[in-house]
């Protein structure tokens, strides 16, 4: 029982510390078994996916079309990739991809200067649906 109290107190202190310092972190659940999870921190959504950078960029281009966002650039190598677009209201969308293994990558999504969590989640879900 004392161990549970300590764990609960430690968790409460961590949550309070993150709220008071303005460094709130949000964890999102796994989508379709293709990712271990996603993390939204300081305006950028980061996630690990089971796909190569070219596959992620292709899925990102499809997501841009699906959301009716104007694609500006899209390029990828076997090691990394970058895709940019604009939302209907003109917000800049930037998706970066870095290979972490032959069939695994880390993607980063930033929308606007300071980030837009809801649009980042929406884009992330669309990208994963096309992988």
N, C-alpha and C. Protein backbone atom coordinates (compact mmCIF):
# COMPACT_ATOMS: atom_id res chain seq x y z
N UNK A 1 0.82 -1.19 0.00
CA UNK A 1 0.00 0.00 0.00
C UNK A 1 0.87 1.26 0.00
N UNK A 2 1.95 1.24 0.75
CA UNK A 2 2.84 2.39 0.79
C UNK A 2 3.49 2.63 -0.57
N UNK A 3 3.79 1.54 -1.28
CA UNK A 3 4.38 1.66 -2.61
C UNK A 3 3.40 2.32 -3.57
N UNK A 4 2.13 1.96 -3.51
CA UNK A 4 1.12 2.58 -4.36
C UNK A 4 0.98 4.07 -4.07
N UNK A 5 1.05 4.44 -2.78
CA UNK A 5 0.97 5.86 -2.41
C UNK A 5 2.15 6.63 -3.00
N UNK A 6 3.35 6.05 -2.93
CA UNK A 6 4.54 6.72 -3.48
C UNK A 6 4.44 6.88 -5.00
N UNK A 7 3.96 5.84 -5.67
CA UNK A 7 3.81 5.91 -7.12
C UNK A 7 2.79 6.97 -7.49
N UNK A 8 1.66 6.98 -6.78
CA UNK A 8 0.61 7.98 -7.05
C UNK A 8 1.11 9.39 -6.79
N UNK A 9 1.84 9.58 -5.70
CA UNK A 9 2.38 10.91 -5.39
C UNK A 9 3.40 11.35 -6.43
N UNK A 10 4.25 10.43 -6.86
CA UNK A 10 5.25 10.76 -7.88
C UNK A 10 4.60 11.14 -9.19
N UNK A 11 3.56 10.40 -9.58
CA UNK A 11 2.84 10.70 -10.82
C UNK A 11 2.18 12.07 -10.73
N UNK A 12 1.56 12.37 -9.62
CA UNK A 12 0.91 13.66 -9.42
C UNK A 12 1.93 14.79 -9.51
N UNK A 13 3.09 14.62 -8.89
CA UNK A 13 4.13 15.65 -8.94
C UNK A 13 4.63 15.88 -10.37
N UNK A 14 4.78 14.80 -11.14
CA UNK A 14 5.24 14.94 -12.52
C UNK A 14 4.21 15.70 -13.35
N UNK A 15 2.94 15.40 -13.18
CA UNK A 15 1.88 16.09 -13.92
C UNK A 15 1.86 17.56 -13.54
N UNK A 16 1.91 17.85 -12.26
CA UNK A 16 1.89 19.25 -11.81
C UNK A 16 3.11 20.00 -12.32
N UNK A 17 4.27 19.37 -12.29
CA UNK A 17 5.49 20.03 -12.78
C UNK A 17 5.39 20.36 -14.25
N UNK A 18 4.85 19.43 -15.04
CA UNK A 18 4.74 19.70 -16.47
C UNK A 18 3.72 20.80 -16.75
N UNK A 19 2.65 20.87 -15.98
CA UNK A 19 1.66 21.92 -16.19
C UNK A 19 2.20 23.29 -15.77
N UNK A 20 2.93 23.33 -14.67
CA UNK A 20 3.43 24.60 -14.18
C UNK A 20 4.56 25.16 -15.04
N UNK A 21 5.30 24.31 -15.72
CA UNK A 21 6.40 24.80 -16.56
C UNK A 21 5.98 25.02 -17.99
N UNK A 22 4.72 24.72 -18.30
CA UNK A 22 4.25 24.93 -19.66
C UNK A 22 4.76 23.89 -20.64
N UNK A 23 5.22 22.79 -20.14
CA UNK A 23 5.77 21.73 -21.01
C UNK A 23 4.84 20.54 -21.01
N UNK A 24 3.57 20.78 -21.25
CA UNK A 24 2.61 19.69 -21.27
C UNK A 24 2.91 18.72 -22.40
N UNK A 25 2.77 17.46 -22.12
CA UNK A 25 3.03 16.42 -23.11
C UNK A 25 1.77 15.59 -23.24
N UNK A 26 1.44 15.21 -24.46
CA UNK A 26 0.26 14.41 -24.70
C UNK A 26 0.64 13.14 -25.44
N UNK A 27 0.25 12.00 -24.91
CA UNK A 27 0.49 10.73 -25.59
C UNK A 27 -0.78 10.31 -26.30
N UNK A 28 -0.62 9.83 -27.53
CA UNK A 28 -1.76 9.33 -28.28
C UNK A 28 -1.59 7.84 -28.47
N UNK A 29 -2.68 7.16 -28.60
CA UNK A 29 -2.66 5.71 -28.73
C UNK A 29 -2.14 5.24 -30.07
N UNK A 30 -1.84 3.97 -30.14
CA UNK A 30 -1.36 3.37 -31.38
C UNK A 30 -2.50 3.30 -32.39
N UNK A 31 -2.15 3.41 -33.66
CA UNK A 31 -3.14 3.36 -34.73
C UNK A 31 -2.87 2.15 -35.61
N UNK A 32 -3.81 1.26 -35.69
CA UNK A 32 -3.79 0.11 -36.60
C UNK A 32 -2.55 -0.76 -36.43
N UNK A 33 -1.91 -0.74 -35.28
CA UNK A 33 -0.77 -1.60 -35.04
C UNK A 33 0.49 -1.21 -35.79
N UNK A 34 0.46 -0.13 -36.56
CA UNK A 34 1.63 0.23 -37.35
C UNK A 34 2.57 1.16 -36.61
N UNK A 35 2.16 1.67 -35.46
CA UNK A 35 3.02 2.55 -34.69
C UNK A 35 2.99 2.16 -33.22
N UNK A 36 4.04 2.49 -32.54
CA UNK A 36 4.09 2.21 -31.11
C UNK A 36 3.37 3.29 -30.33
N UNK A 37 3.25 4.48 -30.87
CA UNK A 37 2.59 5.59 -30.21
C UNK A 37 3.09 6.88 -30.80
N UNK A 38 2.43 7.95 -30.46
CA UNK A 38 2.82 9.25 -30.97
C UNK A 38 2.91 10.22 -29.81
N UNK A 39 3.77 11.19 -29.94
CA UNK A 39 4.02 12.16 -28.90
C UNK A 39 3.88 13.55 -29.48
N UNK A 40 3.07 14.40 -28.85
CA UNK A 40 2.94 15.79 -29.27
C UNK A 40 3.64 16.64 -28.23
N UNK A 41 4.69 17.36 -28.67
CA UNK A 41 5.50 18.12 -27.73
C UNK A 41 6.02 19.38 -28.41
N UNK A 42 5.83 20.50 -27.79
CA UNK A 42 6.31 21.80 -28.27
C UNK A 42 5.94 22.05 -29.73
N UNK A 43 4.69 21.77 -30.08
CA UNK A 43 4.18 22.10 -31.41
C UNK A 43 4.46 21.09 -32.49
N UNK A 44 5.09 19.96 -32.15
CA UNK A 44 5.38 18.96 -33.18
C UNK A 44 4.92 17.59 -32.72
N UNK A 45 4.29 16.87 -33.65
CA UNK A 45 3.88 15.50 -33.40
C UNK A 45 4.98 14.58 -33.92
N UNK A 46 5.46 13.67 -33.10
CA UNK A 46 6.50 12.70 -33.48
C UNK A 46 5.93 11.30 -33.31
N UNK A 47 6.25 10.43 -34.27
CA UNK A 47 5.78 9.05 -34.19
C UNK A 47 6.73 8.13 -34.94
N UNK A 48 6.81 6.89 -34.48
CA UNK A 48 7.57 5.86 -35.17
C UNK A 48 6.58 5.03 -35.98
N UNK A 49 6.92 4.75 -37.23
CA UNK A 49 6.06 3.96 -38.10
C UNK A 49 6.87 2.85 -38.75
N UNK A 50 6.20 1.80 -39.13
CA UNK A 50 6.85 0.67 -39.79
C UNK A 50 6.75 0.86 -41.30
N UNK A 51 7.56 1.79 -41.82
CA UNK A 51 7.59 2.10 -43.24
C UNK A 51 8.87 2.86 -43.55
N UNK A 52 9.31 2.77 -44.78
CA UNK A 52 10.51 3.50 -45.20
C UNK A 52 10.13 4.96 -45.48
N UNK A 53 11.12 5.88 -45.51
CA UNK A 53 10.81 7.27 -45.83
C UNK A 53 10.06 7.46 -47.16
N UNK A 54 10.44 6.77 -48.26
CA UNK A 54 9.65 6.94 -49.49
C UNK A 54 8.18 6.52 -49.32
N UNK A 55 7.93 5.46 -48.56
CA UNK A 55 6.55 5.03 -48.32
C UNK A 55 5.79 6.07 -47.50
N UNK A 56 6.45 6.65 -46.51
CA UNK A 56 5.80 7.66 -45.67
C UNK A 56 5.49 8.91 -46.49
N UNK A 57 6.42 9.34 -47.34
CA UNK A 57 6.19 10.54 -48.16
C UNK A 57 5.07 10.29 -49.16
N UNK A 58 5.01 9.10 -49.75
CA UNK A 58 3.91 8.77 -50.66
C UNK A 58 2.58 8.81 -49.92
N UNK A 59 2.53 8.24 -48.72
CA UNK A 59 1.31 8.27 -47.91
C UNK A 59 0.95 9.71 -47.51
N UNK A 60 1.97 10.53 -47.26
CA UNK A 60 1.74 11.94 -46.90
C UNK A 60 1.13 12.69 -48.07
N UNK A 61 1.62 12.46 -49.28
CA UNK A 61 1.05 13.11 -50.46
C UNK A 61 -0.41 12.73 -50.65
N UNK A 62 -0.74 11.46 -50.42
CA UNK A 62 -2.13 11.01 -50.51
C UNK A 62 -2.98 11.69 -49.44
N UNK A 63 -2.42 11.83 -48.23
CA UNK A 63 -3.15 12.50 -47.14
C UNK A 63 -3.39 13.97 -47.48
N UNK A 64 -2.39 14.64 -48.07
CA UNK A 64 -2.56 16.04 -48.50
C UNK A 64 -3.73 16.14 -49.48
N UNK A 65 -3.76 15.24 -50.47
CA UNK A 65 -4.84 15.27 -51.47
C UNK A 65 -6.19 15.00 -50.80
N UNK A 66 -6.22 14.04 -49.89
CA UNK A 66 -7.45 13.68 -49.20
C UNK A 66 -7.99 14.85 -48.38
N UNK A 67 -7.10 15.62 -47.78
CA UNK A 67 -7.50 16.78 -46.96
C UNK A 67 -7.68 18.05 -47.79
N UNK A 68 -7.39 17.95 -49.07
CA UNK A 68 -7.47 19.08 -50.01
C UNK A 68 -6.53 20.21 -49.57
N UNK A 69 -5.31 19.84 -49.21
CA UNK A 69 -4.26 20.79 -48.87
C UNK A 69 -3.34 20.91 -50.07
N UNK A 70 -2.86 22.10 -50.35
CA UNK A 70 -2.00 22.34 -51.51
C UNK A 70 -0.57 21.87 -51.24
N UNK A 71 -0.18 20.78 -51.92
CA UNK A 71 1.18 20.26 -51.77
C UNK A 71 2.16 21.25 -52.40
N UNK A 72 3.25 21.54 -51.69
CA UNK A 72 4.29 22.41 -52.22
C UNK A 72 5.51 21.60 -52.65
N UNK A 73 6.01 20.73 -51.77
CA UNK A 73 7.18 19.90 -52.10
C UNK A 73 6.99 18.51 -51.51
N UNK A 74 7.69 17.57 -52.13
CA UNK A 74 7.72 16.20 -51.59
C UNK A 74 8.91 15.49 -52.20
N UNK A 75 9.82 15.04 -51.34
CA UNK A 75 10.98 14.29 -51.81
C UNK A 75 11.42 13.33 -50.71
N UNK A 76 12.03 12.22 -51.15
CA UNK A 76 12.47 11.22 -50.18
C UNK A 76 13.62 10.41 -50.75
N UNK A 77 14.48 9.97 -49.86
CA UNK A 77 15.53 9.01 -50.19
C UNK A 77 15.30 7.82 -49.27
N UNK A 78 16.17 6.84 -49.33
CA UNK A 78 15.99 5.70 -48.43
C UNK A 78 16.32 6.06 -46.98
N UNK A 79 16.92 7.24 -46.76
CA UNK A 79 17.34 7.66 -45.42
C UNK A 79 16.45 8.72 -44.79
N UNK A 80 15.85 9.60 -45.61
CA UNK A 80 15.02 10.66 -45.05
C UNK A 80 14.06 11.20 -46.10
N UNK A 81 13.20 12.12 -45.66
CA UNK A 81 12.24 12.72 -46.58
C UNK A 81 11.63 13.97 -46.00
N UNK A 82 11.02 14.76 -46.89
CA UNK A 82 10.38 16.01 -46.50
C UNK A 82 9.21 16.26 -47.44
N UNK A 83 8.07 16.64 -46.85
CA UNK A 83 6.91 17.04 -47.64
C UNK A 83 6.33 18.29 -46.99
N UNK A 84 5.95 19.26 -47.82
CA UNK A 84 5.34 20.48 -47.31
C UNK A 84 4.06 20.77 -48.08
N UNK A 85 3.16 21.47 -47.41
CA UNK A 85 1.88 21.83 -48.02
C UNK A 85 1.34 23.07 -47.30
N UNK A 86 0.19 23.53 -47.76
CA UNK A 86 -0.52 24.64 -47.11
C UNK A 86 -1.97 24.21 -46.90
N UNK A 87 -2.50 24.55 -45.72
CA UNK A 87 -3.92 24.29 -45.46
C UNK A 87 -4.74 25.32 -46.23
N UNK A 88 -6.04 25.17 -46.20
CA UNK A 88 -6.93 26.11 -46.89
C UNK A 88 -6.79 27.53 -46.32
N UNK A 89 -6.41 27.65 -45.05
CA UNK A 89 -6.25 28.97 -44.46
C UNK A 89 -4.81 29.49 -44.56
N UNK A 90 -3.95 28.74 -45.25
CA UNK A 90 -2.59 29.19 -45.50
C UNK A 90 -1.55 28.76 -44.48
N UNK A 91 -1.92 27.92 -43.52
CA UNK A 91 -0.92 27.44 -42.54
C UNK A 91 0.07 26.52 -43.23
N UNK A 92 1.35 26.70 -42.91
CA UNK A 92 2.38 25.84 -43.46
C UNK A 92 2.35 24.48 -42.77
N UNK A 93 2.45 23.42 -43.56
CA UNK A 93 2.47 22.05 -43.06
C UNK A 93 3.82 21.46 -43.45
N UNK A 94 4.52 20.90 -42.47
CA UNK A 94 5.84 20.32 -42.73
C UNK A 94 5.90 18.92 -42.12
N UNK A 95 6.20 17.93 -42.97
CA UNK A 95 6.34 16.55 -42.53
C UNK A 95 7.76 16.11 -42.83
N UNK A 96 8.50 15.72 -41.79
CA UNK A 96 9.87 15.22 -41.96
C UNK A 96 9.89 13.74 -41.61
N UNK A 97 10.76 13.01 -42.28
CA UNK A 97 10.88 11.56 -42.06
C UNK A 97 12.36 11.21 -41.98
N UNK A 98 12.72 10.39 -41.01
CA UNK A 98 14.09 9.91 -40.87
C UNK A 98 14.03 8.40 -40.66
N UNK A 99 14.81 7.66 -41.44
CA UNK A 99 14.86 6.21 -41.33
C UNK A 99 15.56 5.82 -40.02
N UNK A 100 15.00 4.85 -39.33
CA UNK A 100 15.61 4.34 -38.09
C UNK A 100 16.03 2.88 -38.24
N UNK A 101 15.53 2.21 -39.28
CA UNK A 101 15.85 0.82 -39.60
C UNK A 101 15.39 0.59 -41.04
N UNK A 102 15.71 -0.54 -41.64
CA UNK A 102 15.31 -0.76 -43.04
C UNK A 102 13.82 -0.53 -43.32
N UNK A 103 12.93 -0.93 -42.46
CA UNK A 103 11.49 -0.72 -42.66
C UNK A 103 10.87 0.02 -41.49
N UNK A 104 11.58 1.00 -40.94
CA UNK A 104 11.06 1.79 -39.82
C UNK A 104 11.56 3.22 -39.94
N UNK A 105 10.70 4.17 -39.57
CA UNK A 105 11.04 5.59 -39.66
C UNK A 105 10.39 6.35 -38.51
N UNK A 106 10.95 7.51 -38.24
CA UNK A 106 10.34 8.46 -37.32
C UNK A 106 9.84 9.62 -38.15
N UNK A 107 8.57 9.98 -37.95
CA UNK A 107 8.02 11.13 -38.67
C UNK A 107 7.78 12.26 -37.69
N UNK A 108 7.91 13.49 -38.20
CA UNK A 108 7.62 14.68 -37.43
C UNK A 108 6.64 15.53 -38.21
N UNK A 109 5.59 16.02 -37.56
CA UNK A 109 4.57 16.85 -38.21
C UNK A 109 4.46 18.16 -37.45
N UNK A 110 4.65 19.28 -38.16
CA UNK A 110 4.45 20.60 -37.57
C UNK A 110 3.54 21.39 -38.50
N UNK A 111 2.51 21.98 -37.93
CA UNK A 111 1.57 22.79 -38.70
C UNK A 111 1.57 24.19 -38.11
N UNK A 112 1.93 25.17 -38.94
CA UNK A 112 2.02 26.54 -38.48
C UNK A 112 3.29 26.78 -37.69
N UNK A 113 3.51 27.99 -37.29
CA UNK A 113 4.72 28.36 -36.56
C UNK A 113 4.80 27.70 -35.19
N UNK A 114 3.68 27.69 -34.48
CA UNK A 114 3.68 27.17 -33.11
C UNK A 114 3.05 25.79 -33.01
N UNK A 115 2.61 25.22 -34.12
CA UNK A 115 2.00 23.90 -34.12
C UNK A 115 0.50 23.99 -33.94
N UNK A 116 -0.19 22.99 -34.46
CA UNK A 116 -1.63 22.86 -34.31
C UNK A 116 -1.90 21.38 -34.01
N UNK A 117 -2.16 21.10 -32.76
CA UNK A 117 -2.28 19.71 -32.31
C UNK A 117 -3.40 18.97 -33.02
N UNK A 118 -4.57 19.58 -33.16
CA UNK A 118 -5.70 18.90 -33.78
C UNK A 118 -5.44 18.58 -35.25
N UNK A 119 -4.91 19.54 -36.00
CA UNK A 119 -4.61 19.28 -37.41
C UNK A 119 -3.46 18.28 -37.55
N UNK A 120 -2.50 18.32 -36.64
CA UNK A 120 -1.40 17.36 -36.69
C UNK A 120 -1.92 15.94 -36.47
N UNK A 121 -2.81 15.77 -35.52
CA UNK A 121 -3.42 14.45 -35.28
C UNK A 121 -4.20 13.98 -36.51
N UNK A 122 -4.96 14.90 -37.09
CA UNK A 122 -5.74 14.57 -38.28
C UNK A 122 -4.84 14.10 -39.41
N UNK A 123 -3.78 14.84 -39.68
CA UNK A 123 -2.84 14.46 -40.74
C UNK A 123 -2.16 13.14 -40.41
N UNK A 124 -1.74 12.97 -39.19
CA UNK A 124 -1.09 11.73 -38.76
C UNK A 124 -1.99 10.53 -39.02
N UNK A 125 -3.26 10.63 -38.62
CA UNK A 125 -4.20 9.54 -38.84
C UNK A 125 -4.36 9.23 -40.32
N UNK A 126 -4.41 10.27 -41.15
CA UNK A 126 -4.54 10.04 -42.60
C UNK A 126 -3.29 9.38 -43.17
N UNK A 127 -2.12 9.83 -42.74
CA UNK A 127 -0.87 9.23 -43.24
C UNK A 127 -0.84 7.74 -42.89
N UNK A 128 -1.13 7.42 -41.63
CA UNK A 128 -1.10 6.02 -41.18
C UNK A 128 -2.12 5.19 -41.96
N UNK A 129 -3.27 5.77 -42.29
CA UNK A 129 -4.28 5.02 -43.03
C UNK A 129 -3.81 4.66 -44.44
N UNK A 130 -2.86 5.41 -44.99
CA UNK A 130 -2.34 5.14 -46.33
C UNK A 130 -1.08 4.28 -46.32
N UNK A 131 -0.57 3.94 -45.15
CA UNK A 131 0.63 3.08 -45.08
C UNK A 131 0.26 1.61 -45.18
